[in-house]
PDB file of N, CA and C in Angstrom:
ATOM      1  N   LYS A   1     110.667 114.449  92.805  1.00  0.00           N
ATOM      2  CA  LYS A   1     110.043 115.717  93.134  1.00  0.00           C
ATOM      3  C   LYS A   1     108.978 115.591  94.216  1.00  0.00           C
ATOM      4  N   MET A   2     108.556 114.381  94.551  1.00  0.00           N
ATOM      5  CA  MET A   2     107.471 114.203  95.522  1.00  0.00           C
ATOM      6  C   MET A   2     107.971 114.025  96.951  1.00  0.00           C
ATOM      7  N   THR A   3     109.250 113.822  97.136  1.00  0.00           N
ATOM      8  CA  THR A   3     109.765 113.588  98.480  1.00  0.00           C
ATOM      9  C   THR A   3     109.909 114.883  99.265  1.00  0.00           C
ATOM     10  N   GLU A   4     109.590 114.820 100.527  1.00  0.00           N
ATOM     11  CA  GLU A   4     109.854 115.933 101.437  1.00  0.00           C
ATOM     12  C   GLU A   4     111.015 115.601 102.359  1.00  0.00           C
ATOM     13  N   SER A   5     111.276 114.314 102.547  1.00  0.00           N
ATOM     14  CA  SER A   5     112.338 113.881 103.464  1.00  0.00           C
ATOM     15  C   SER A   5     113.675 113.663 102.757  1.00  0.00           C
ATOM     16  N   ASN A   6     113.657 113.627 101.432  1.00  0.00           N
ATOM     17  CA  ASN A   6     114.838 113.294 100.623  1.00  0.00           C
ATOM     18  C   ASN A   6     115.294 111.860 100.832  1.00  0.00           C
ATOM     19  N   VAL A   7     114.403 111.009 101.362  1.00  0.00           N
ATOM     20  CA  VAL A   7     114.695 109.590 101.529  1.00  0.00           C
ATOM     21  C   VAL A   7     113.659 108.799 100.738  1.00  0.00           C
ATOM     22  N   LEU A   8     114.163 108.006  99.807  1.00  0.00           N
ATOM     23  CA  LEU A   8     113.309 107.125  99.018  1.00  0.00           C
ATOM     24  C   LEU A   8     113.578 105.694  99.435  1.00  0.00           C
ATOM     25  N   GLY A   9     112.571 104.858  99.357  1.00  0.00           N
ATOM     26  CA  GLY A   9     112.726 103.465  99.752  1.00  0.00           C
ATOM     27  C   GLY A   9     112.498 102.526  98.593  1.00  0.00           C
ATOM     28  N   TYR A  10     113.306 101.487  98.518  1.00  0.00           N
ATOM     29  CA  TYR A  10     113.221 100.503  97.440  1.00  0.00           C
ATOM     30  C   TYR A  10     113.115  99.111  98.048  1.00  0.00           C
ATOM     31  N   VAL A  11     111.969  98.446  97.840  1.00  0.00           N
ATOM     32  CA  VAL A  11     111.791  97.064  98.279  1.00  0.00           C
ATOM     33  C   VAL A  11     112.260  96.186  97.121  1.00  0.00           C
ATOM     34  N   ALA A  12     113.364  95.495  97.337  1.00  0.00           N
ATOM     35  CA  ALA A  12     113.993  94.704  96.283  1.00  0.00           C
ATOM     36  C   ALA A  12     113.814  93.216  96.542  1.00  0.00           C
ATOM     37  N   SER A  13     113.776  92.457  95.469  1.00  0.00           N
ATOM     38  CA  SER A  13     113.581  91.014  95.591  1.00  0.00           C
ATOM     39  C   SER A  13     114.889  90.293  95.912  1.00  0.00           C
ATOM     40  N   PHE A  14     115.763  90.152  94.918  1.00  0.00           N
ATOM     41  CA  PHE A  14     117.035  89.433  95.079  1.00  0.00           C
ATOM     42  C   PHE A  14     118.167  90.264  94.489  1.00  0.00           C
ATOM     43  N   PRO A  15     119.385  90.175  95.025  1.00  0.00           N
ATOM     44  CA  PRO A  15     120.511  90.955  94.485  1.00  0.00           C
ATOM     45  C   PRO A  15     121.089  90.321  93.213  1.00  0.00           C
ATOM     46  N   ILE A  16     120.288  90.346  92.157  1.00  0.00           N
ATOM     47  CA  ILE A  16     120.716  89.846  90.854  1.00  0.00           C
ATOM     48  C   ILE A  16     120.863  91.049  89.916  1.00  0.00           C
ATOM     49  N   PRO A  17     121.566  90.904  88.802  1.00  0.00           N
ATOM     50  CA  PRO A  17     121.823  92.061  87.934  1.00  0.00           C
ATOM     51  C   PRO A  17     120.573  92.852  87.536  1.00  0.00           C
ATOM     52  N   GLU A  18     119.488  92.180  87.183  1.00  0.00           N
ATOM     53  CA  GLU A  18     118.274  92.888  86.773  1.00  0.00           C
ATOM     54  C   GLU A  18     117.769  93.817  87.869  1.00  0.00           C
ATOM     55  N   VAL A  19     117.761  93.338  89.086  1.00  0.00           N
ATOM     56  CA  VAL A  19     117.240  94.123  90.205  1.00  0.00           C
ATOM     57  C   VAL A  19     118.217  95.247  90.566  1.00  0.00           C
ATOM     58  N   ILE A  20     119.487  94.933  90.617  1.00  0.00           N
ATOM     59  CA  ILE A  20     120.490  95.962  90.930  1.00  0.00           C
ATOM     60  C   ILE A  20     120.465  97.064  89.872  1.00  0.00           C
ATOM     61  N   ARG A  21     120.320  96.668  88.616  1.00  0.00           N
ATOM     62  CA  ARG A  21     120.214  97.655  87.529  1.00  0.00           C
ATOM     63  C   ARG A  21     119.009  98.573  87.761  1.00  0.00           C
ATOM     64  N   GLY A  22     117.885  97.994  88.180  1.00  0.00           N
ATOM     65  CA  GLY A  22     116.694  98.790  88.461  1.00  0.00           C
ATOM     66  C   GLY A  22     116.905  99.770  89.604  1.00  0.00           C
ATOM     67  N   ILE A  23     117.570  99.318  90.650  1.00  0.00           N
ATOM     68  CA  ILE A  23     117.865 100.195  91.790  1.00  0.00           C
ATOM     69  C   ILE A  23     118.766 101.343  91.336  1.00  0.00           C
ATOM     70  N   ASN A  24     119.795 101.015  90.575  1.00  0.00           N
ATOM     71  CA  ASN A  24     120.722 102.053  90.089  1.00  0.00           C
ATOM     72  C   ASN A  24     120.012 103.047  89.184  1.00  0.00           C
ATOM     73  N   ALA A  25     119.151 102.562  88.290  1.00  0.00           N
ATOM     74  CA  ALA A  25     118.424 103.454  87.382  1.00  0.00           C
ATOM     75  C   ALA A  25     117.477 104.363  88.162  1.00  0.00           C
ATOM     76  N   PHE A  26     116.778 103.795  89.131  1.00  0.00           N
ATOM     77  CA  PHE A  26     115.865 104.585  89.957  1.00  0.00           C
ATOM     78  C   PHE A  26     116.634 105.672  90.709  1.00  0.00           C
ATOM     79  N   THR A  27     117.758 105.287  91.294  1.00  0.00           N
ATOM     80  CA  THR A  27     118.579 106.238  92.050  1.00  0.00           C
ATOM     81  C   THR A  27     119.113 107.335  91.148  1.00  0.00           C
ATOM     82  N   LYS A  28     119.631 106.961  89.993  1.00  0.00           N
ATOM     83  CA  LYS A  28     120.173 107.957  89.072  1.00  0.00           C
ATOM     84  C   LYS A  28     119.088 108.927  88.612  1.00  0.00           C
ATOM     85  N   GLY A  29     117.928 108.403  88.278  1.00  0.00           N
ATOM     86  CA  GLY A  29     116.823 109.261  87.858  1.00  0.00           C
ATOM     87  C   GLY A  29     116.381 110.208  88.960  1.00  0.00           C
ATOM     88  N   ALA A  30     116.291 109.695  90.175  1.00  0.00           N
ATOM     89  CA  ALA A  30     115.883 110.536  91.309  1.00  0.00           C
ATOM     90  C   ALA A  30     116.896 111.649  91.553  1.00  0.00           C
ATOM     91  N   LYS A  31     118.177 111.302  91.465  1.00  0.00           N
ATOM     92  CA  LYS A  31     119.228 112.296  91.709  1.00  0.00           C
ATOM     93  C   LYS A  31     119.293 113.354  90.600  1.00  0.00           C
ATOM     94  N   GLU A  32     118.789 113.038  89.418  1.00  0.00           N
ATOM     95  CA  GLU A  32     118.733 114.028  88.338  1.00  0.00           C
ATOM     96  C   GLU A  32     117.822 115.193  88.710  1.00  0.00           C
ATOM     97  N   VAL A  33     116.737 114.906  89.425  1.00  0.00           N
ATOM     98  CA  VAL A  33     115.797 115.961  89.806  1.00  0.00           C
ATOM     99  C   VAL A  33     116.000 116.445  91.233  1.00  0.00           C
ATOM    100  N   ASN A  34     116.729 115.673  92.038  1.00  0.00           N
ATOM    101  CA  ASN A  34     116.974 116.062  93.424  1.00  0.00           C
ATOM    102  C   ASN A  34     118.311 115.467  93.868  1.00  0.00           C
ATOM    103  N   PRO A  35     119.394 116.217  93.695  1.00  0.00           N
ATOM    104  CA  PRO A  35     120.720 115.687  94.037  1.00  0.00           C
ATOM    105  C   PRO A  35     120.885 115.307  95.508  1.00  0.00           C
ATOM    106  N   ASP A  36     120.021 115.808  96.382  1.00  0.00           N
ATOM    107  CA  ASP A  36     120.126 115.530  97.809  1.00  0.00           C
ATOM    108  C   ASP A  36     119.436 114.233  98.231  1.00  0.00           C
ATOM    109  N   VAL A  37     118.740 113.597  97.319  1.00  0.00           N
ATOM    110  CA  VAL A  37     117.972 112.407  97.665  1.00  0.00           C
ATOM    111  C   VAL A  37     118.901 111.222  97.931  1.00  0.00           C
ATOM    112  N   GLN A  38     118.460 110.361  98.837  1.00  0.00           N
ATOM    113  CA  GLN A  38     119.155 109.092  99.059  1.00  0.00           C
ATOM    114  C   GLN A  38     118.139 107.971  98.931  1.00  0.00           C
ATOM    115  N   VAL A  39     118.608 106.824  98.466  1.00  0.00           N
ATOM    116  CA  VAL A  39     117.740 105.668  98.287  1.00  0.00           C
ATOM    117  C   VAL A  39     118.179 104.579  99.251  1.00  0.00           C
ATOM    118  N   LYS A  40     117.241 104.133 100.069  1.00  0.00           N
ATOM    119  CA  LYS A  40     117.500 103.027 100.995  1.00  0.00           C
ATOM    120  C   LYS A  40     116.832 101.776 100.428  1.00  0.00           C
ATOM    121  N   VAL A  41     117.522 100.652 100.546  1.00  0.00           N
ATOM    122  CA  VAL A  41     117.044  99.390  99.985  1.00  0.00           C
ATOM    123  C   VAL A  41     116.837  98.377 101.105  1.00  0.00           C
ATOM    124  N   VAL A  42     115.727  97.656 101.040  1.00  0.00           N
ATOM    125  CA  VAL A  42     115.499  96.502 101.902  1.00  0.00           C
ATOM    126  C   VAL A  42     115.256  95.309 100.972  1.00  0.00           C
ATOM    127  N   TRP A  43     116.041  94.264 101.183  1.00  0.00           N
ATOM    128  CA  TRP A  43     115.923  93.046 100.387  1.00  0.00           C
ATOM    129  C   TRP A  43     114.849  92.153 100.987  1.00  0.00           C
ATOM    130  N   ALA A  44     113.813  91.866 100.228  1.00  0.00           N
ATOM    131  CA  ALA A  44     112.732  90.990 100.689  1.00  0.00           C
ATOM    132  C   ALA A  44     113.057  89.517 100.451  1.00  0.00           C
ATOM    133  N   SER A  45     114.003  89.249  99.566  1.00  0.00           N
ATOM    134  CA  SER A  45     114.401  87.873  99.218  1.00  0.00           C
ATOM    135  C   SER A  45     113.224  87.032  98.741  1.00  0.00           C
ATOM    136  N   THR A  46     112.370  87.641  97.957  1.00  0.00           N
ATOM    137  CA  THR A  46     111.215  86.962  97.377  1.00  0.00           C
ATOM    138  C   THR A  46     110.713  87.784  96.197  1.00  0.00           C
ATOM    139  N   TRP A  47     110.060  87.112  95.261  1.00  0.00           N
ATOM    140  CA  TRP A  47     109.394  87.837  94.176  1.00  0.00           C
ATOM    141  C   TRP A  47     107.977  88.199  94.586  1.00  0.00           C
ATOM    142  N   TYR A  48     107.369  87.343  95.401  1.00  0.00           N
ATOM    143  CA  TYR A  48     105.974  87.568  95.794  1.00  0.00           C
ATOM    144  C   TYR A  48     105.728  86.990  97.176  1.00  0.00           C
ATOM    145  N   ASP A  49     105.662  87.866  98.139  1.00  0.00           N
ATOM    146  CA  ASP A  49     105.294  87.499  99.503  1.00  0.00           C
ATOM    147  C   ASP A  49     104.767  88.774 100.154  1.00  0.00           C
ATOM    148  N   PRO A  50     103.456  88.980 100.073  1.00  0.00           N
ATOM    149  CA  PRO A  50     102.890  90.234 100.576  1.00  0.00           C
ATOM    150  C   PRO A  50     103.307  90.600 101.998  1.00  0.00           C
ATOM    151  N   ALA A  51     103.413  89.632 102.884  1.00  0.00           N
ATOM    152  CA  ALA A  51     103.781  89.938 104.274  1.00  0.00           C
ATOM    153  C   ALA A  51     105.214  90.475 104.342  1.00  0.00           C
ATOM    154  N   LYS A  52     106.140  89.823 103.664  1.00  0.00           N
ATOM    155  CA  LYS A  52     107.537  90.288 103.669  1.00  0.00           C
ATOM    156  C   LYS A  52     107.678  91.639 102.981  1.00  0.00           C
ATOM    157  N   GLU A  53     106.961  91.817 101.885  1.00  0.00           N
ATOM    158  CA  GLU A  53     107.032  93.086 101.157  1.00  0.00           C
ATOM    159  C   GLU A  53     106.476  94.234 102.005  1.00  0.00           C
ATOM    160  N   ARG A  54     105.384  93.971 102.686  1.00  0.00           N
ATOM    161  CA  ARG A  54     104.789  94.994 103.558  1.00  0.00           C
ATOM    162  C   ARG A  54     105.746  95.342 104.700  1.00  0.00           C
ATOM    163  N   GLU A  55     106.345  94.324 105.306  1.00  0.00           N
ATOM    164  CA  GLU A  55     107.305  94.551 106.390  1.00  0.00           C
ATOM    165  C   GLU A  55     108.493  95.371 105.889  1.00  0.00           C
ATOM    166  N   ALA A  56     108.982  95.063 104.700  1.00  0.00           N
ATOM    167  CA  ALA A  56     110.101  95.823 104.125  1.00  0.00           C
ATOM    168  C   ALA A  56     109.692  97.268 103.893  1.00  0.00           C
ATOM    169  N   ALA A  57     108.500  97.482 103.358  1.00  0.00           N
ATOM    170  CA  ALA A  57     108.014  98.841 103.116  1.00  0.00           C
ATOM    171  C   ALA A  57     107.878  99.619 104.418  1.00  0.00           C
ATOM    172  N   GLU A  58     107.327  98.986 105.428  1.00  0.00           N
ATOM    173  CA  GLU A  58     107.163  99.659 106.722  1.00  0.00           C
ATOM    174  C   GLU A  58     108.514  99.970 107.358  1.00  0.00           C
ATOM    175  N   THR A  59     109.493  99.106 107.170  1.00  0.00           N
ATOM    176  CA  THR A  59     110.843  99.368 107.669  1.00  0.00           C
ATOM    177  C   THR A  59     111.421 100.604 106.995  1.00  0.00           C
ATOM    178  N   LEU A  60     111.243 100.703 105.688  1.00  0.00           N
ATOM    179  CA  LEU A  60     111.746 101.876 104.958  1.00  0.00           C
ATOM    180  C   LEU A  60     111.053 103.153 105.413  1.00  0.00           C
ATOM    181  N   ILE A  61     109.761 103.074 105.659  1.00  0.00           N
ATOM    182  CA  ILE A  61     109.027 104.244 106.149  1.00  0.00           C
ATOM    183  C   ILE A  61     109.561 104.655 107.517  1.00  0.00           C
ATOM    184  N   LEU A  62     109.837 103.682 108.384  1.00  0.00           N
ATOM    185  CA  LEU A  62     110.416 103.990 109.692  1.00  0.00           C
ATOM    186  C   LEU A  62     111.797 104.632 109.564  1.00  0.00           C
ATOM    187  N   GLN A  63     112.505 104.339 108.478  1.00  0.00           N
ATOM    188  CA  GLN A  63     113.823 104.929 108.226  1.00  0.00           C
ATOM    189  C   GLN A  63     113.723 106.281 107.516  1.00  0.00           C
ATOM    190  N   GLY A  64     112.503 106.797 107.367  1.00  0.00           N
ATOM    191  CA  GLY A  64     112.320 108.144 106.827  1.00  0.00           C
ATOM    192  C   GLY A  64     111.891 108.220 105.379  1.00  0.00           C
ATOM    193  N   ALA A  65     111.730 107.096 104.705  1.00  0.00           N
ATOM    194  CA  ALA A  65     111.317 107.128 103.302  1.00  0.00           C
ATOM    195  C   ALA A  65     109.872 107.599 103.185  1.00  0.00           C
ATOM    196  N   ASP A  66     109.651 108.555 102.290  1.00  0.00           N
ATOM    197  CA  ASP A  66     108.286 109.012 102.052  1.00  0.00           C
ATOM    198  C   ASP A  66     107.813 108.730 100.625  1.00  0.00           C
ATOM    199  N   VAL A  67     108.675 108.160  99.815  1.00  0.00           N
ATOM    200  CA  VAL A  67     108.315 107.646  98.494  1.00  0.00           C
ATOM    201  C   VAL A  67     108.955 106.260  98.380  1.00  0.00           C
ATOM    202  N   LEU A  68     108.130 105.271  98.046  1.00  0.00           N
ATOM    203  CA  LEU A  68     108.603 103.894  97.950  1.00  0.00           C
ATOM    204  C   LEU A  68     108.450 103.382  96.526  1.00  0.00           C
ATOM    205  N   THR A  69     109.295 102.455  96.170  1.00  0.00           N
ATOM    206  CA  THR A  69     109.123 101.700  94.938  1.00  0.00           C
ATOM    207  C   THR A  69     109.525 100.268  95.222  1.00  0.00           C
ATOM    208  N   GLN A  70     109.442  99.422  94.201  1.00  0.00           N
ATOM    209  CA  GLN A  70     109.651  98.007  94.451  1.00  0.00           C
ATOM    210  C   GLN A  70     110.097  97.274  93.200  1.00  0.00           C
ATOM    211  N   HIS A  71     110.708  96.130  93.418  1.00  0.00           N
ATOM    212  CA  HIS A  71     110.959  95.147  92.365  1.00  0.00           C
ATOM    213  C   HIS A  71     110.467  93.812  92.916  1.00  0.00           C
ATOM    214  N   THR A  72     109.210  93.821  93.307  1.00  0.00           N
ATOM    215  CA  THR A  72     108.478  92.662  93.793  1.00  0.00           C
ATOM    216  C   THR A  72     107.089  92.759  93.176  1.00  0.00           C
ATOM    217  N   ASP A  73     106.267  91.745  93.374  1.00  0.00           N
ATOM    218  CA  ASP A  73     105.045  91.673  92.575  1.00  0.00           C
ATOM    219  C   ASP A  73     103.716  91.884  93.281  1.00  0.00           C
ATOM    220  N   SER A  74     103.677  91.985  94.581  1.00  0.00           N
ATOM    221  CA  SER A  74     102.378  92.183  95.234  1.00  0.00           C
ATOM    222  C   SER A  74     102.105  93.681  95.404  1.00  0.00           C
ATOM    223  N   ALA A  75     100.906  93.977  95.818  1.00  0.00           N
ATOM    224  CA  ALA A  75     100.507  95.367  96.059  1.00  0.00           C
ATOM    225  C   ALA A  75     100.824  95.814  97.485  1.00  0.00           C
ATOM    226  N   ALA A  76     101.554  95.008  98.246  1.00  0.00           N
ATOM    227  CA  ALA A  76     101.808  95.304  99.658  1.00  0.00           C
ATOM    228  C   ALA A  76     102.550  96.617  99.871  1.00  0.00           C
ATOM    229  N   VAL A  77     103.473  96.952  98.996  1.00  0.00           N
ATOM    230  CA  VAL A  77     104.231  98.207  99.148  1.00  0.00           C
ATOM    231  C   VAL A  77     103.293  99.399  98.972  1.00  0.00           C
ATOM    232  N   ILE A  78     102.436  99.333  97.968  1.00  0.00           N
ATOM    233  CA  ILE A  78     101.454 100.401  97.731  1.00  0.00           C
ATOM    234  C   ILE A  78     100.515 100.510  98.933  1.00  0.00           C
ATOM    235  N   GLN A  79     100.062  99.373  99.431  1.00  0.00           N
ATOM    236  CA  GLN A  79      99.146  99.370 100.571  1.00  0.00           C
ATOM    237  C   GLN A  79      99.805  99.945 101.817  1.00  0.00           C
ATOM    238  N   ALA A  80     101.064  99.624 102.043  1.00  0.00           N
ATOM    239  CA  ALA A  80     101.772 100.169 103.202  1.00  0.00           C
ATOM    240  C   ALA A  80     101.915 101.680 103.069  1.00  0.00           C
ATOM    241  N   ALA A  81     102.259 102.138 101.870  1.00  0.00           N
ATOM    242  CA  ALA A  81     102.382 103.588 101.648  1.00  0.00           C
ATOM    243  C   ALA A  81     101.042 104.283 101.874  1.00  0.00           C
ATOM    244  N   GLU A  82      99.983 103.707 101.366  1.00  0.00           N
ATOM    245  CA  GLU A  82      98.646 104.289 101.536  1.00  0.00           C
ATOM    246  C   GLU A  82      98.290 104.391 103.018  1.00  0.00           C
ATOM    247  N   ALA A  83      98.560 103.329 103.767  1.00  0.00           N
ATOM    248  CA  ALA A  83      98.218 103.301 105.193  1.00  0.00           C
ATOM    249  C   ALA A  83      98.991 104.335 105.995  1.00  0.00           C
ATOM    250  N   LYS A  84     100.206 104.669 105.538  1.00  0.00           N
ATOM    251  CA  LYS A  84     101.060 105.592 106.291  1.00  0.00           C
ATOM    252  C   LYS A  84     101.083 106.997 105.688  1.00  0.00           C
ATOM    253  N   GLY A  85     100.266 107.255 104.667  1.00  0.00           N
ATOM    254  CA  GLY A  85     100.224 108.586 104.066  1.00  0.00           C
ATOM    255  C   GLY A  85     101.468 108.920 103.255  1.00  0.00           C
ATOM    256  N   LYS A  86     102.077 107.920 102.645  1.00  0.00           N
ATOM    257  CA  LYS A  86     103.283 108.108 101.829  1.00  0.00           C
ATOM    258  C   LYS A  86     102.942 107.847 100.368  1.00  0.00           C
ATOM    259  N   TYR A  87     103.912 108.009  99.491  1.00  0.00           N
ATOM    260  CA  TYR A  87     103.727 107.747  98.064  1.00  0.00           C
ATOM    261  C   TYR A  87     104.428 106.455  97.672  1.00  0.00           C
ATOM    262  N   ALA A  88     103.975 105.874  96.550  1.00  0.00           N
ATOM    263  CA  ALA A  88     104.611 104.657  96.059  1.00  0.00           C
ATOM    264  C   ALA A  88     104.486 104.545  94.545  1.00  0.00           C
ATOM    265  N   ILE A  89     105.417 103.800  93.979  1.00  0.00           N
ATOM    266  CA  ILE A  89     105.454 103.510  92.553  1.00  0.00           C
ATOM    267  C   ILE A  89     105.333 101.997  92.412  1.00  0.00           C
ATOM    268  N   GLY A  90     104.343 101.552  91.676  1.00  0.00           N
ATOM    269  CA  GLY A  90     104.088 100.128  91.515  1.00  0.00           C
ATOM    270  C   GLY A  90     105.033  99.470  90.525  1.00  0.00           C
ATOM    271  N   TYR A  91     104.939  98.152  90.450  1.00  0.00           N
ATOM    272  CA  TYR A  91     105.793  97.393  89.546  1.00  0.00           C
ATOM    273  C   TYR A  91     105.016  96.240  88.935  1.00  0.00           C
ATOM    274  N   HIS A  92     105.122  96.080  87.653  1.00  0.00           N
ATOM    275  CA  HIS A  92     104.513  95.017  86.849  1.00  0.00           C
ATOM    276  C   HIS A  92     103.034  95.217  86.558  1.00  0.00           C
ATOM    277  N   SER A  93     102.346  96.091  87.267  1.00  0.00           N
ATOM    278  CA  SER A  93     100.934  96.323  86.977  1.00  0.00           C
ATOM    279  C   SER A  93     100.481  97.634  87.607  1.00  0.00           C
ATOM    280  N   ASP A  94      99.352  98.123  87.125  1.00  0.00           N
ATOM    281  CA  ASP A  94      98.737  99.311  87.704  1.00  0.00           C
ATOM    282  C   ASP A  94      98.168  98.916  89.058  1.00  0.00           C
ATOM    283  N   MET A  95      98.738  99.448  90.110  1.00  0.00           N
ATOM    284  CA  MET A  95      98.324  99.084  91.461  1.00  0.00           C
ATOM    285  C   MET A  95      97.535 100.205  92.137  1.00  0.00           C
ATOM    286  N   SER A  96      97.035 101.143  91.335  1.00  0.00           N
ATOM    287  CA  SER A  96      96.362 102.308  91.900  1.00  0.00           C
ATOM    288  C   SER A  96      95.135 101.949  92.732  1.00  0.00           C
ATOM    289  N   GLU A  97      94.454 100.864  92.420  1.00  0.00           N
ATOM    290  CA  GLU A  97      93.270 100.487  93.195  1.00  0.00           C
ATOM    291  C   GLU A  97      93.614 100.103  94.639  1.00  0.00           C
ATOM    292  N   TYR A  98      94.895  99.801  94.904  1.00  0.00           N
ATOM    293  CA  TYR A  98      95.319  99.403  96.249  1.00  0.00           C
ATOM    294  C   TYR A  98      95.816 100.585  97.084  1.00  0.00           C
ATOM    295  N   GLY A  99      95.943 101.731  96.449  1.00  0.00           N
ATOM    296  CA  GLY A  99      96.398 102.914  97.169  1.00  0.00           C
ATOM    297  C   GLY A  99      96.117 104.161  96.353  1.00  0.00           C
ATOM    298  N   GLU A 100      94.876 104.558  96.313  1.00  0.00           N
ATOM    299  CA  GLU A 100      94.463 105.666  95.445  1.00  0.00           C
ATOM    300  C   GLU A 100      95.229 106.956  95.715  1.00  0.00           C
ATOM    301  N   LYS A 101      95.539 107.223  96.965  1.00  0.00           N
ATOM    302  CA  LYS A 101      96.263 108.447  97.306  1.00  0.00           C
ATOM    303  C   LYS A 101      97.774 108.251  97.219  1.00  0.00           C
ATOM    304  N   ALA A 102      98.230 107.042  97.428  1.00  0.00           N
ATOM    305  CA  ALA A 102      99.668 106.761  97.460  1.00  0.00           C
ATOM    306  C   ALA A 102     100.266 106.557  96.071  1.00  0.00           C
ATOM    307  N   HIS A 103      99.532 105.907  95.182  1.00  0.00           N
ATOM    308  CA  HIS A 103     100.048 105.452  93.893  1.00  0.00           C
ATOM    309  C   HIS A 103     100.379 106.623  92.972  1.00  0.00           C
ATOM    310  N   LEU A 104     101.653 106.761  92.633  1.00  0.00           N
ATOM    311  CA  LEU A 104     102.085 107.819  91.709  1.00  0.00           C
ATOM    312  C   LEU A 104     102.074 107.329  90.263  1.00  0.00           C
ATOM    313  N   THR A 105     102.626 106.151  90.034  1.00  0.00           N
ATOM    314  CA  THR A 105     102.723 105.560  88.701  1.00  0.00           C
ATOM    315  C   THR A 105     103.179 104.118  88.868  1.00  0.00           C
ATOM    316  N   ALA A 106     103.384 103.430  87.754  1.00  0.00           N
ATOM    317  CA  ALA A 106     103.877 102.054  87.819  1.00  0.00           C
ATOM    318  C   ALA A 106     104.656 101.729  86.556  1.00  0.00           C
ATOM    319  N   ALA A 107     105.663 100.902  86.723  1.00  0.00           N
ATOM    320  CA  ALA A 107     106.372 100.338  85.575  1.00  0.00           C
ATOM    321  C   ALA A 107     105.584  99.106  85.135  1.00  0.00           C
ATOM    322  N   ILE A 108     105.141  99.100  83.892  1.00  0.00           N
ATOM    323  CA  ILE A 108     104.351  97.987  83.380  1.00  0.00           C
ATOM    324  C   ILE A 108     105.047  97.430  82.146  1.00  0.00           C
ATOM    325  N   HIS A 109     105.404  96.170  82.208  1.00  0.00           N
ATOM    326  CA  HIS A 109     106.071  95.523  81.080  1.00  0.00           C
ATOM    327  C   HIS A 109     105.040  94.832  80.202  1.00  0.00           C
ATOM    328  N   ASN A 110     105.116  95.080  78.898  1.00  0.00           N
ATOM    329  CA  ASN A 110     104.236  94.417  77.944  1.00  0.00           C
ATOM    330  C   ASN A 110     105.107  93.568  77.028  1.00  0.00           C
ATOM    331  N   TRP A 111     105.310  92.322  77.409  1.00  0.00           N
ATOM    332  CA  TRP A 111     106.173  91.421  76.655  1.00  0.00           C
ATOM    333  C   TRP A 111     105.456  90.769  75.478  1.00  0.00           C
ATOM    334  N   GLY A 112     104.145  90.877  75.422  1.00  0.00           N
ATOM    335  CA  GLY A 112     103.361  90.207  74.389  1.00  0.00           C
ATOM    336  C   GLY A 112     103.860  90.412  72.964  1.00  0.00           C
ATOM    337  N   PRO A 113     104.031  91.648  72.492  1.00  0.00           N
ATOM    338  CA  PRO A 113     104.490  91.851  71.116  1.00  0.00           C
ATOM    339  C   PRO A 113     105.851  91.213  70.826  1.00  0.00           C
ATOM    340  N   LEU A 114     106.780  91.287  71.764  1.00  0.00           N
ATOM    341  CA  LEU A 114     108.090  90.664  71.566  1.00  0.00           C
ATOM    342  C   LEU A 114     107.966  89.149  71.484  1.00  0.00           C
ATOM    343  N   TYR A 115     107.192  88.563  72.399  1.00  0.00           N
ATOM    344  CA  TYR A 115     107.019  87.110  72.387  1.00  0.00           C
ATOM    345  C   TYR A 115     106.361  86.644  71.088  1.00  0.00           C
ATOM    346  N   LEU A 116     105.355  87.376  70.623  1.00  0.00           N
ATOM    347  CA  LEU A 116     104.702  87.009  69.364  1.00  0.00           C
ATOM    348  C   LEU A 116     105.678  87.074  68.198  1.00  0.00           C
ATOM    349  N   LYS A 117     106.487  88.122  68.151  1.00  0.00           N
ATOM    350  CA  LYS A 117     107.475  88.273  67.084  1.00  0.00           C
ATOM    351  C   LYS A 117     108.478  87.123  67.105  1.00  0.00           C
ATOM    352  N   LYS A 118     109.009  86.811  68.274  1.00  0.00           N
ATOM    353  CA  LYS A 118     110.008  85.734  68.387  1.00  0.00           C
ATOM    354  C   LYS A 118     109.394  84.380  68.055  1.00  0.00           C
ATOM    355  N   ALA A 119     108.179  84.133  68.516  1.00  0.00           N
ATOM    356  CA  ALA A 119     107.515  82.865  68.199  1.00  0.00           C
ATOM    357  C   ALA A 119     107.287  82.739  66.694  1.00  0.00           C
ATOM    358  N   GLN A 120     106.877  83.834  66.071  1.00  0.00           N
ATOM    359  CA  GLN A 120     106.671  83.800  64.619  1.00  0.00           C
ATOM    360  C   GLN A 120     107.985  83.554  63.886  1.00  0.00           C
ATOM    361  N   GLN A 121     109.065  84.153  64.376  1.00  0.00           N
ATOM    362  CA  GLN A 121     110.375  83.911  63.767  1.00  0.00           C
ATOM    363  C   GLN A 121     110.775  82.444  63.877  1.00  0.00           C
ATOM    364  N   VAL A 122     110.487  81.822  65.011  1.00  0.00           N
ATOM    365  CA  VAL A 122     110.778  80.393  65.168  1.00  0.00           C
ATOM    366  C   VAL A 122     109.959  79.594  64.151  1.00  0.00           C
ATOM    367  N   LEU A 123     108.667  79.925  64.060  1.00  0.00           N
ATOM    368  CA  LEU A 123     107.809  79.218  63.109  1.00  0.00           C
ATOM    369  C   LEU A 123     108.274  79.408  61.659  1.00  0.00           C
ATOM    370  N   ASP A 124     108.761  80.611  61.351  1.00  0.00           N
ATOM    371  CA  ASP A 124     109.224  80.917  59.993  1.00  0.00           C
ATOM    372  C   ASP A 124     110.639  80.400  59.718  1.00  0.00           C
ATOM    373  N   GLY A 125     111.327  79.925  60.754  1.00  0.00           N
ATOM    374  CA  GLY A 125     112.706  79.461  60.591  1.00  0.00           C
ATOM    375  C   GLY A 125     113.709  80.600  60.439  1.00  0.00           C
ATOM    376  N   THR A 126     113.340  81.792  60.896  1.00  0.00           N
ATOM    377  CA  THR A 126     114.245  82.954  60.770  1.00  0.00           C
ATOM    378  C   THR A 126     114.857  83.389  62.100  1.00  0.00           C
ATOM    379  N   TRP A 127     114.552  82.698  63.167  1.00  0.00           N
ATOM    380  CA  TRP A 127     115.092  83.092  64.484  1.00  0.00           C
ATOM    381  C   TRP A 127     116.458  82.515  64.678  1.00  0.00           C
TER     382      TRP A 127
END
């Protein structure tokens, strides 16, 4: 709902099932609210490289993307969106401090409870 260009950008790490699944889910969700939207992907080929992530984000912005998301770990995508007056969705942490105007939301994984449960099961001999 935040796009004006109908072009969304996705900075992706590696073409592995987890990342491809994320791209597909993002695209499907976006198309549910805006059937005219298209998602462009740039592969950064890294999990964490702020320079590459920023370059990928800027490339997507040059291709018309006005909302960006990522499956990488630095705040570079948020920072690029902030610098260019675009929106972005963070990944793995709240990145709002890096782009107060750009940051829409973030996917934050909390693995702690699952890890504690599994570790306890191992200790109890029930895993």
